[in-house]
All heavy atoms as atom14 arrays in JSON, in Angstrom:
{
  "sequence": "AIYQQASDILDNTVPLLPIYYYVQPQMVKTYIGGFSPNVRGDYYT",
  "atom14_mask": [
    [1, 1, 1, 1, 1, 0, 0, 0, 0, 0, 0, 0, 0, 0],
    [1, 1, 1, 1, 1, 1, 1, 1, 0, 0, 0, 0, 0, 0],
    [1, 1, 1, 1, 1, 1, 1, 1, 1, 1, 1, 1, 0, 0],
    [1, 1, 1, 1, 1, 1, 1, 1, 1, 0, 0, 0, 0, 0],
    [1, 1, 1, 1, 1, 1, 1, 1, 1, 0, 0, 0, 0, 0],
    [1, 1, 1, 1, 1, 0, 0, 0, 0, 0, 0, 0, 0, 0],
    [1, 1, 1, 1, 1, 1, 0, 0, 0, 0, 0, 0, 0, 0],
    [1, 1, 1, 1, 1, 1, 1, 1, 0, 0, 0, 0, 0, 0],
    [1, 1, 1, 1, 1, 1, 1, 1, 0, 0, 0, 0, 0, 0],
    [1, 1, 1, 1, 1, 1, 1, 1, 0, 0, 0, 0, 0, 0],
    [1, 1, 1, 1, 1, 1, 1, 1, 0, 0, 0, 0, 0, 0],
    [1, 1, 1, 1, 1, 1, 1, 1, 0, 0, 0, 0, 0, 0],
    [1, 1, 1, 1, 1, 1, 1, 0, 0, 0, 0, 0, 0, 0],
    [1, 1, 1, 1, 1, 1, 1, 0, 0, 0, 0, 0, 0, 0],
    [1, 1, 1, 1, 1, 1, 1, 0, 0, 0, 0, 0, 0, 0],
    [1, 1, 1, 1, 1, 1, 1, 1, 0, 0, 0, 0, 0, 0],
    [1, 1, 1, 1, 1, 1, 1, 1, 0, 0, 0, 0, 0, 0],
    [1, 1, 1, 1, 1, 1, 1, 0, 0, 0, 0, 0, 0, 0],
    [1, 1, 1, 1, 1, 1, 1, 1, 0, 0, 0, 0, 0, 0],
    [1, 1, 1, 1, 1, 1, 1, 1, 1, 1, 1, 1, 0, 0],
    [1, 1, 1, 1, 1, 1, 1, 1, 1, 1, 1, 1, 0, 0],
    [1, 1, 1, 1, 1, 1, 1, 1, 1, 1, 1, 1, 0, 0],
    [1, 1, 1, 1, 1, 1, 1, 0, 0, 0, 0, 0, 0, 0],
    [1, 1, 1, 1, 1, 1, 1, 1, 1, 0, 0, 0, 0, 0],
    [1, 1, 1, 1, 1, 1, 1, 0, 0, 0, 0, 0, 0, 0],
    [1, 1, 1, 1, 1, 1, 1, 1, 1, 0, 0, 0, 0, 0],
    [1, 1, 1, 1, 1, 1, 1, 1, 0, 0, 0, 0, 0, 0],
    [1, 1, 1, 1, 1, 1, 1, 0, 0, 0, 0, 0, 0, 0],
    [1, 1, 1, 1, 1, 1, 1, 1, 1, 0, 0, 0, 0, 0],
    [1, 1, 1, 1, 1, 1, 1, 0, 0, 0, 0, 0, 0, 0],
    [1, 1, 1, 1, 1, 1, 1, 1, 1, 1, 1, 1, 0, 0],
    [1, 1, 1, 1, 1, 1, 1, 1, 0, 0, 0, 0, 0, 0],
    [1, 1, 1, 1, 0, 0, 0, 0, 0, 0, 0, 0, 0, 0],
    [1, 1, 1, 1, 0, 0, 0, 0, 0, 0, 0, 0, 0, 0],
    [1, 1, 1, 1, 1, 1, 1, 1, 1, 1, 1, 0, 0, 0],
    [1, 1, 1, 1, 1, 1, 0, 0, 0, 0, 0, 0, 0, 0],
    [1, 1, 1, 1, 1, 1, 1, 0, 0, 0, 0, 0, 0, 0],
    [1, 1, 1, 1, 1, 1, 1, 1, 0, 0, 0, 0, 0, 0],
    [1, 1, 1, 1, 1, 1, 1, 0, 0, 0, 0, 0, 0, 0],
    [1, 1, 1, 1, 1, 1, 1, 1, 1, 1, 1, 0, 0, 0],
    [1, 1, 1, 1, 0, 0, 0, 0, 0, 0, 0, 0, 0, 0],
    [1, 1, 1, 1, 1, 1, 1, 1, 0, 0, 0, 0, 0, 0],
    [1, 1, 1, 1, 1, 1, 1, 1, 1, 1, 1, 1, 0, 0],
    [1, 1, 1, 1, 1, 1, 1, 1, 1, 1, 1, 1, 0, 0],
    [1, 1, 1, 1, 1, 1, 1, 0, 0, 0, 0, 0, 0, 0]
  ],
  "atom14_positions": [
    [[132.8, 293.77, -73.02], [133.41, 295.1, -73.24], [134.08, 295.6, -71.98], [135.17, 296.19, -72.0], [132.37, 296.06, -73.71], [0.0, 0.0, 0.0], [0.0, 0.0, 0.0], [0.0, 0.0, 0.0], [0.0, 0.0, 0.0], [0.0, 0.0, 0.0], [0.0, 0.0, 0.0], [0.0, 0.0, 0.0], [0.0, 0.0, 0.0], [0.0, 0.0, 0.0]],
    [[133.47, 295.35, -70.81], [134.02, 295.73, -69.55], [135.34, 294.98, -69.26], [136.35, 295.56, -68.88], [133.04, 295.53, -68.39], [131.85, 296.47, -68.52], [133.72, 295.65, -67.03], [130.71, 296.19, -67.58], [0.0, 0.0, 0.0], [0.0, 0.0, 0.0], [0.0, 0.0, 0.0], [0.0, 0.0, 0.0], [0.0, 0.0, 0.0], [0.0, 0.0, 0.0]],
    [[135.3, 293.7, -69.51], [136.52, 292.87, -69.31], [137.64, 293.34, -70.24], [138.8, 293.32, -69.85], [136.19, 291.4, -69.57], [135.39, 290.74, -68.48], [134.59, 289.64, -68.75], [135.4, 291.23, -67.16], [133.84, 289.02, -67.75], [134.67, 290.62, -66.16], [133.87, 289.51, -66.47], [133.12, 288.89, -65.48], [0.0, 0.0, 0.0], [0.0, 0.0, 0.0]],
    [[137.27, 293.73, -71.47], [138.31, 294.21, -72.41], [138.9, 295.51, -71.9], [140.12, 295.72, -72.0], [137.7, 294.39, -73.81], [138.74, 294.83, -74.87], [139.8, 293.75, -75.07], [139.51, 292.61, -75.36], [141.06, 294.16, -74.86], [0.0, 0.0, 0.0], [0.0, 0.0, 0.0], [0.0, 0.0, 0.0], [0.0, 0.0, 0.0], [0.0, 0.0, 0.0]],
    [[138.09, 296.41, -71.38], [138.57, 297.68, -70.83], [139.57, 297.4, -69.66], [140.61, 298.03, -69.58], [137.43, 298.56, -70.35], [136.61, 299.14, -71.47], [135.42, 299.92, -70.92], [134.91, 299.68, -69.86], [134.98, 300.92, -71.66], [0.0, 0.0, 0.0], [0.0, 0.0, 0.0], [0.0, 0.0, 0.0], [0.0, 0.0, 0.0], [0.0, 0.0, 0.0]],
    [[139.2, 296.44, -68.8], [140.06, 296.1, -67.69], [141.38, 295.5, -68.19], [142.47, 295.83, -67.7], [139.36, 295.11, -66.79], [0.0, 0.0, 0.0], [0.0, 0.0, 0.0], [0.0, 0.0, 0.0], [0.0, 0.0, 0.0], [0.0, 0.0, 0.0], [0.0, 0.0, 0.0], [0.0, 0.0, 0.0], [0.0, 0.0, 0.0], [0.0, 0.0, 0.0]],
    [[141.28, 294.65, -69.19], [142.5, 294.02, -69.79], [143.37, 295.09, -70.41], [144.61, 295.02, -70.29], [142.07, 292.97, -70.81], [143.2, 292.33, -71.38], [0.0, 0.0, 0.0], [0.0, 0.0, 0.0], [0.0, 0.0, 0.0], [0.0, 0.0, 0.0], [0.0, 0.0, 0.0], [0.0, 0.0, 0.0], [0.0, 0.0, 0.0], [0.0, 0.0, 0.0]],
    [[142.75, 296.07, -71.04], [143.54, 297.16, -71.68], [144.32, 297.97, -70.6], [145.46, 298.38, -70.88], [142.61, 298.15, -72.4], [142.02, 297.52, -73.7], [142.57, 296.49, -74.15], [141.02, 298.08, -74.22], [0.0, 0.0, 0.0], [0.0, 0.0, 0.0], [0.0, 0.0, 0.0], [0.0, 0.0, 0.0], [0.0, 0.0, 0.0], [0.0, 0.0, 0.0]],
    [[143.71, 298.15, -69.43], [144.38, 298.86, -68.35], [145.65, 298.09, -67.97], [146.73, 298.67, -67.77], [143.48, 299.09, -67.15], [142.39, 300.11, -67.49], [144.25, 299.5, -65.9], [141.3, 300.25, -66.44], [0.0, 0.0, 0.0], [0.0, 0.0, 0.0], [0.0, 0.0, 0.0], [0.0, 0.0, 0.0], [0.0, 0.0, 0.0], [0.0, 0.0, 0.0]],
    [[145.53, 296.79, -67.84], [146.71, 295.95, -67.5], [147.77, 296.02, -68.58], [148.98, 296.11, -68.31], [146.27, 294.5, -67.28], [145.31, 294.21, -66.12], [145.07, 292.71, -66.0], [145.83, 294.79, -64.8], [0.0, 0.0, 0.0], [0.0, 0.0, 0.0], [0.0, 0.0, 0.0], [0.0, 0.0, 0.0], [0.0, 0.0, 0.0], [0.0, 0.0, 0.0]],
    [[147.31, 296.0, -69.85], [148.28, 296.04, -70.97], [149.05, 297.36, -70.93], [150.23, 297.39, -71.27], [147.52, 295.94, -72.29], [146.94, 294.55, -72.49], [147.33, 293.6, -71.79], [146.08, 294.39, -73.39], [0.0, 0.0, 0.0], [0.0, 0.0, 0.0], [0.0, 0.0, 0.0], [0.0, 0.0, 0.0], [0.0, 0.0, 0.0], [0.0, 0.0, 0.0]],
    [[148.39, 298.44, -70.57], [149.02, 299.78, -70.65], [149.75, 300.22, -69.4], [150.66, 301.03, -69.49], [147.95, 300.83, -71.02], [147.45, 300.64, -72.45], [148.25, 300.54, -73.37], [146.14, 300.6, -72.62], [0.0, 0.0, 0.0], [0.0, 0.0, 0.0], [0.0, 0.0, 0.0], [0.0, 0.0, 0.0], [0.0, 0.0, 0.0], [0.0, 0.0, 0.0]],
    [[149.37, 299.63, -68.25], [150.08, 300.02, -67.02], [151.17, 298.95, -66.69], [152.06, 299.25, -65.9], [149.12, 300.16, -65.83], [148.35, 298.91, -65.73], [148.16, 301.32, -66.03], [0.0, 0.0, 0.0], [0.0, 0.0, 0.0], [0.0, 0.0, 0.0], [0.0, 0.0, 0.0], [0.0, 0.0, 0.0], [0.0, 0.0, 0.0], [0.0, 0.0, 0.0]],
    [[151.04, 297.79, -67.2], [152.02, 296.67, -67.1], [152.42, 296.36, -65.65], [153.6, 296.45, -65.29], [153.32, 296.95, -67.95], [154.07, 295.68, -68.21], [152.96, 297.65, -69.26], [0.0, 0.0, 0.0], [0.0, 0.0, 0.0], [0.0, 0.0, 0.0], [0.0, 0.0, 0.0], [0.0, 0.0, 0.0], [0.0, 0.0, 0.0], [0.0, 0.0, 0.0]],
    [[151.47, 295.97, -64.8], [151.85, 295.51, -63.47], [152.37, 294.09, -63.48], [152.9, 293.58, -62.47], [150.51, 295.59, -62.7], [149.5, 295.34, -63.72], [150.03, 296.0, -64.99], [0.0, 0.0, 0.0], [0.0, 0.0, 0.0], [0.0, 0.0, 0.0], [0.0, 0.0, 0.0], [0.0, 0.0, 0.0], [0.0, 0.0, 0.0], [0.0, 0.0, 0.0]],
    [[152.26, 293.42, -64.62], [152.74, 292.06, -64.78], [153.28, 291.9, -66.22], [152.91, 292.65, -67.12], [151.68, 291.01, -64.48], [150.58, 290.75, -65.53], [149.9, 289.44, -65.26], [149.56, 291.9, -65.56], [0.0, 0.0, 0.0], [0.0, 0.0, 0.0], [0.0, 0.0, 0.0], [0.0, 0.0, 0.0], [0.0, 0.0, 0.0], [0.0, 0.0, 0.0]],
    [[154.14, 290.87, -66.4], [154.72, 290.61, -67.7], [154.32, 289.22, -68.14], [155.02, 288.25, -67.75], [156.26, 290.81, -67.67], [157.0, 290.47, -68.98], [156.59, 291.4, -70.07], [158.51, 290.53, -68.73], [0.0, 0.0, 0.0], [0.0, 0.0, 0.0], [0.0, 0.0, 0.0], [0.0, 0.0, 0.0], [0.0, 0.0, 0.0], [0.0, 0.0, 0.0]],
    [[153.25, 289.06, -68.88], [152.85, 287.7, -69.32], [153.97, 287.13, -70.24], [154.48, 287.83, -71.09], [151.55, 287.94, -70.08], [151.09, 289.28, -69.66], [152.31, 290.07, -69.36], [0.0, 0.0, 0.0], [0.0, 0.0, 0.0], [0.0, 0.0, 0.0], [0.0, 0.0, 0.0], [0.0, 0.0, 0.0], [0.0, 0.0, 0.0], [0.0, 0.0, 0.0]],
    [[154.27, 285.85, -70.04], [155.28, 285.22, -70.9], [154.69, 284.1, -71.73], [154.83, 284.06, -72.95], [156.45, 284.66, -70.01], [157.11, 285.81, -69.23], [157.49, 283.97, -70.9], [158.21, 285.35, -68.3], [0.0, 0.0, 0.0], [0.0, 0.0, 0.0], [0.0, 0.0, 0.0], [0.0, 0.0, 0.0], [0.0, 0.0, 0.0], [0.0, 0.0, 0.0]],
    [[153.99, 283.15, -71.11], [153.4, 282.06, -71.88], [152.17, 281.53, -71.19], [151.99, 281.73, -69.97], [154.43, 280.95, -72.13], [154.85, 280.19, -70.89], [154.19, 279.03, -70.49], [155.91, 280.63, -70.11], [154.58, 278.36, -69.36], [156.33, 279.94, -68.98], [155.65, 278.79, -68.6], [156.02, 278.12, -67.46], [0.0, 0.0, 0.0], [0.0, 0.0, 0.0]],
    [[151.34, 280.84, -71.96], [150.17, 280.15, -71.41], [150.46, 278.64, -71.28], [151.13, 278.07, -72.11], [148.95, 280.31, -72.35], [148.51, 281.76, -72.53], [148.47, 282.35, -73.77], [148.12, 282.53, -71.42], [148.07, 283.66, -73.92], [147.72, 283.84, -71.57], [147.68, 284.41, -72.81], [147.31, 285.71, -72.96], [0.0, 0.0, 0.0], [0.0, 0.0, 0.0]],
    [[149.97, 278.11, -70.2], [150.15, 276.67, -69.9], [149.43, 275.83, -70.96], [148.48, 276.25, -71.58], [149.55, 276.3, -68.55], [150.41, 276.67, -67.37], [149.8, 276.88, -66.13], [151.79, 276.79, -67.44], [150.59, 277.21, -64.98], [152.56, 277.1, -66.34], [151.93, 277.32, -65.12], [152.7, 277.61, -64.03], [0.0, 0.0, 0.0], [0.0, 0.0, 0.0]],
    [[149.91, 274.61, -71.09], [149.23, 273.6, -71.86], [149.17, 272.32, -71.01], [149.79, 272.26, -69.96], [149.93, 273.26, -73.2], [149.77, 274.38, -74.18], [151.41, 272.93, -72.98], [0.0, 0.0, 0.0], [0.0, 0.0, 0.0], [0.0, 0.0, 0.0], [0.0, 0.0, 0.0], [0.0, 0.0, 0.0], [0.0, 0.0, 0.0], [0.0, 0.0, 0.0]],
    [[148.43, 271.35, -71.49], [148.31, 270.08, -70.76], [148.82, 268.93, -71.65], [148.05, 268.3, -72.33], [146.86, 269.81, -70.37], [146.2, 270.87, -69.54], [144.7, 270.67, -69.48], [144.22, 269.54, -69.35], [143.95, 271.74, -69.55], [0.0, 0.0, 0.0], [0.0, 0.0, 0.0], [0.0, 0.0, 0.0], [0.0, 0.0, 0.0], [0.0, 0.0, 0.0]],
    [[150.12, 268.66, -71.62], [150.65, 267.54, -72.43], [150.1, 266.22, -71.84], [150.17, 266.04, -70.63], [152.17, 267.64, -72.25], [152.4, 269.01, -71.69], [151.19, 269.38, -70.93], [0.0, 0.0, 0.0], [0.0, 0.0, 0.0], [0.0, 0.0, 0.0], [0.0, 0.0, 0.0], [0.0, 0.0, 0.0], [0.0, 0.0, 0.0], [0.0, 0.0, 0.0]],
    [[149.51, 265.41, -72.7], [148.9, 264.19, -72.21], [149.22, 263.0, -73.1], [149.31, 263.17, -74.35], [147.38, 264.35, -72.16], [146.96, 265.37, -71.16], [145.61, 265.98, -71.46], [145.18, 265.99, -72.62], [144.93, 266.52, -70.49], [0.0, 0.0, 0.0], [0.0, 0.0, 0.0], [0.0, 0.0, 0.0], [0.0, 0.0, 0.0], [0.0, 0.0, 0.0]],
    [[149.44, 261.86, -72.53], [149.58, 260.61, -73.28], [148.4, 259.72, -72.91], [148.28, 259.33, -71.73], [150.92, 259.95, -72.95], [152.13, 260.76, -73.39], [153.71, 259.97, -72.97], [153.65, 258.54, -74.04], [0.0, 0.0, 0.0], [0.0, 0.0, 0.0], [0.0, 0.0, 0.0], [0.0, 0.0, 0.0], [0.0, 0.0, 0.0], [0.0, 0.0, 0.0]],
    [[147.55, 259.46, -73.88], [146.36, 258.67, -73.6], [146.32, 257.49, -74.54], [146.44, 257.65, -75.75], [145.07, 259.53, -73.79], [143.83, 258.73, -73.43], [145.16, 260.8, -72.93], [0.0, 0.0, 0.0], [0.0, 0.0, 0.0], [0.0, 0.0, 0.0], [0.0, 0.0, 0.0], [0.0, 0.0, 0.0], [0.0, 0.0, 0.0], [0.0, 0.0, 0.0]],
    [[146.19, 256.3, -73.99], [146.09, 255.09, -74.79], [144.87, 255.18, -75.77], [143.83, 255.75, -75.41], [145.93, 253.85, -73.89], [147.16, 253.54, -73.08], [148.3, 252.96, -73.92], [149.41, 252.45, -73.04], [150.55, 251.93, -73.87], [0.0, 0.0, 0.0], [0.0, 0.0, 0.0], [0.0, 0.0, 0.0], [0.0, 0.0, 0.0], [0.0, 0.0, 0.0]],
    [[145.04, 254.61, -76.95], [143.97, 254.72, -77.96], [142.73, 253.92, -77.54], [141.65, 254.15, -78.05], [144.46, 254.17, -79.28], [144.97, 252.83, -79.09], [145.56, 255.05, -79.88], [0.0, 0.0, 0.0], [0.0, 0.0, 0.0], [0.0, 0.0, 0.0], [0.0, 0.0, 0.0], [0.0, 0.0, 0.0], [0.0, 0.0, 0.0], [0.0, 0.0, 0.0]],
    [[142.89, 253.01, -76.57], [141.7, 252.2, -76.15], [141.02, 252.78, -74.92], [140.22, 252.1, -74.28], [142.11, 250.74, -75.92], [143.27, 250.53, -74.99], [143.15, 250.66, -73.61], [144.53, 250.16, -75.5], [144.19, 250.45, -72.77], [145.61, 249.99, -74.64], [145.45, 250.11, -73.28], [146.5, 249.9, -72.42], [0.0, 0.0, 0.0], [0.0, 0.0, 0.0]],
    [[141.3, 254.04, -74.58], [140.59, 254.71, -73.47], [139.39, 255.48, -74.07], [139.55, 256.38, -74.85], [141.5, 255.68, -72.7], [142.68, 254.94, -72.1], [140.69, 256.41, -71.6], [142.3, 253.87, -71.06], [0.0, 0.0, 0.0], [0.0, 0.0, 0.0], [0.0, 0.0, 0.0], [0.0, 0.0, 0.0], [0.0, 0.0, 0.0], [0.0, 0.0, 0.0]],
    [[138.21, 255.12, -73.64], [136.98, 255.81, -74.09], [136.54, 256.8, -73.04], [136.92, 256.69, -71.89], [0.0, 0.0, 0.0], [0.0, 0.0, 0.0], [0.0, 0.0, 0.0], [0.0, 0.0, 0.0], [0.0, 0.0, 0.0], [0.0, 0.0, 0.0], [0.0, 0.0, 0.0], [0.0, 0.0, 0.0], [0.0, 0.0, 0.0], [0.0, 0.0, 0.0]],
    [[135.72, 257.76, -73.42], [135.16, 258.7, -72.47], [136.09, 259.82, -72.04], [135.78, 260.54, -71.1], [0.0, 0.0, 0.0], [0.0, 0.0, 0.0], [0.0, 0.0, 0.0], [0.0, 0.0, 0.0], [0.0, 0.0, 0.0], [0.0, 0.0, 0.0], [0.0, 0.0, 0.0], [0.0, 0.0, 0.0], [0.0, 0.0, 0.0], [0.0, 0.0, 0.0]],
    [[137.25, 259.91, -72.7], [138.21, 260.97, -72.35], [138.09, 262.09, -73.37], [138.24, 261.86, -74.57], [139.64, 260.39, -72.36], [140.69, 261.41, -72.08], [141.13, 261.66, -70.8], [141.24, 262.18, -73.12], [142.09, 262.6, -70.53], [142.23, 263.11, -72.84], [142.62, 263.35, -71.56], [0.0, 0.0, 0.0], [0.0, 0.0, 0.0], [0.0, 0.0, 0.0]],
    [[137.86, 263.28, -72.91], [137.83, 264.42, -73.82], [138.46, 265.6, -73.15], [138.16, 265.92, -71.99], [136.38, 264.76, -74.27], [135.62, 265.05, -73.1], [0.0, 0.0, 0.0], [0.0, 0.0, 0.0], [0.0, 0.0, 0.0], [0.0, 0.0, 0.0], [0.0, 0.0, 0.0], [0.0, 0.0, 0.0], [0.0, 0.0, 0.0], [0.0, 0.0, 0.0]],
    [[139.42, 266.26, -73.82], [140.11, 267.42, -73.23], [139.16, 268.58, -72.89], [138.15, 268.75, -73.57], [141.11, 267.84, -74.35], [141.23, 266.65, -75.22], [139.9, 265.95, -75.16], [0.0, 0.0, 0.0], [0.0, 0.0, 0.0], [0.0, 0.0, 0.0], [0.0, 0.0, 0.0], [0.0, 0.0, 0.0], [0.0, 0.0, 0.0], [0.0, 0.0, 0.0]],
    [[139.48, 269.32, -71.86], [138.76, 270.53, -71.53], [139.73, 271.56, -70.97], [140.84, 271.19, -70.51], [137.6, 270.24, -70.56], [138.1, 269.8, -69.19], [138.57, 270.56, -68.42], [138.05, 268.46, -68.98], [0.0, 0.0, 0.0], [0.0, 0.0, 0.0], [0.0, 0.0, 0.0], [0.0, 0.0, 0.0], [0.0, 0.0, 0.0], [0.0, 0.0, 0.0]],
    [[139.36, 272.82, -71.04], [140.32, 273.9, -70.78], [140.86, 273.88, -69.32], [141.96, 274.37, -69.07], [139.74, 275.29, -71.1], [139.51, 275.42, -72.57], [138.44, 275.55, -70.31], [0.0, 0.0, 0.0], [0.0, 0.0, 0.0], [0.0, 0.0, 0.0], [0.0, 0.0, 0.0], [0.0, 0.0, 0.0], [0.0, 0.0, 0.0], [0.0, 0.0, 0.0]],
    [[140.07, 273.4, -68.37], [140.55, 273.43, -66.97], [141.31, 272.16, -66.6], [141.87, 272.06, -65.53], [139.36, 273.6, -66.03], [138.83, 275.06, -66.02], [138.07, 275.35, -64.76], [138.98, 275.25, -63.55], [138.76, 274.51, -62.52], [137.67, 273.79, -62.42], [139.58, 274.48, -61.51], [0.0, 0.0, 0.0], [0.0, 0.0, 0.0], [0.0, 0.0, 0.0]],
    [[141.29, 271.13, -67.45], [142.02, 269.91, -67.14], [141.28, 269.09, -66.07], [141.89, 268.39, -65.28], [0.0, 0.0, 0.0], [0.0, 0.0, 0.0], [0.0, 0.0, 0.0], [0.0, 0.0, 0.0], [0.0, 0.0, 0.0], [0.0, 0.0, 0.0], [0.0, 0.0, 0.0], [0.0, 0.0, 0.0], [0.0, 0.0, 0.0], [0.0, 0.0, 0.0]],
    [[139.97, 269.13, -66.07], [139.17, 268.35, -65.1], [138.77, 267.03, -65.77], [138.03, 267.0, -66.75], [137.89, 269.09, -64.7], [138.17, 270.32, -63.84], [139.22, 270.29, -63.17], [137.39, 271.29, -63.89], [0.0, 0.0, 0.0], [0.0, 0.0, 0.0], [0.0, 0.0, 0.0], [0.0, 0.0, 0.0], [0.0, 0.0, 0.0], [0.0, 0.0, 0.0]],
    [[139.29, 265.93, -65.23], [139.01, 264.61, -65.81], [138.46, 263.71, -64.7], [139.06, 263.65, -63.62], [140.27, 264.02, -66.43], [140.88, 264.91, -67.47], [142.08, 265.59, -67.17], [140.28, 265.13, -68.69], [142.64, 266.44, -68.11], [140.81, 265.99, -69.64], [141.99, 266.64, -69.36], [142.55, 267.48, -70.27], [0.0, 0.0, 0.0], [0.0, 0.0, 0.0]],
    [[137.38, 263.02, -65.01], [136.78, 262.12, -64.03], [136.79, 260.7, -64.52], [136.31, 260.4, -65.61], [135.33, 262.56, -63.72], [135.25, 264.0, -63.23], [134.84, 265.05, -64.07], [135.53, 264.3, -61.9], [134.79, 266.36, -63.62], [135.47, 265.61, -61.43], [135.11, 266.62, -62.3], [135.04, 267.92, -61.86], [0.0, 0.0, 0.0], [0.0, 0.0, 0.0]],
    [[137.4, 259.83, -63.71], [137.53, 258.44, -64.17], [136.18, 257.79, -64.3], [136.07, 256.79, -65.04], [138.42, 257.65, -63.16], [137.89, 257.85, -61.84], [139.85, 258.11, -63.21], [0.0, 0.0, 0.0], [0.0, 0.0, 0.0], [0.0, 0.0, 0.0], [0.0, 0.0, 0.0], [0.0, 0.0, 0.0], [0.0, 0.0, 0.0], [0.0, 0.0, 0.0]]
  ]
}
């Protein structure tokens, strides 16, 4: 709830103009095991 209140302040005072969120385009061979996407893009060989 606190984070939402803080986010609301940013939405209403507009010190920044959000445009888009990043994504992680990836090409992974079908024979690679142990690979699973995660939000931060941390991958360990």
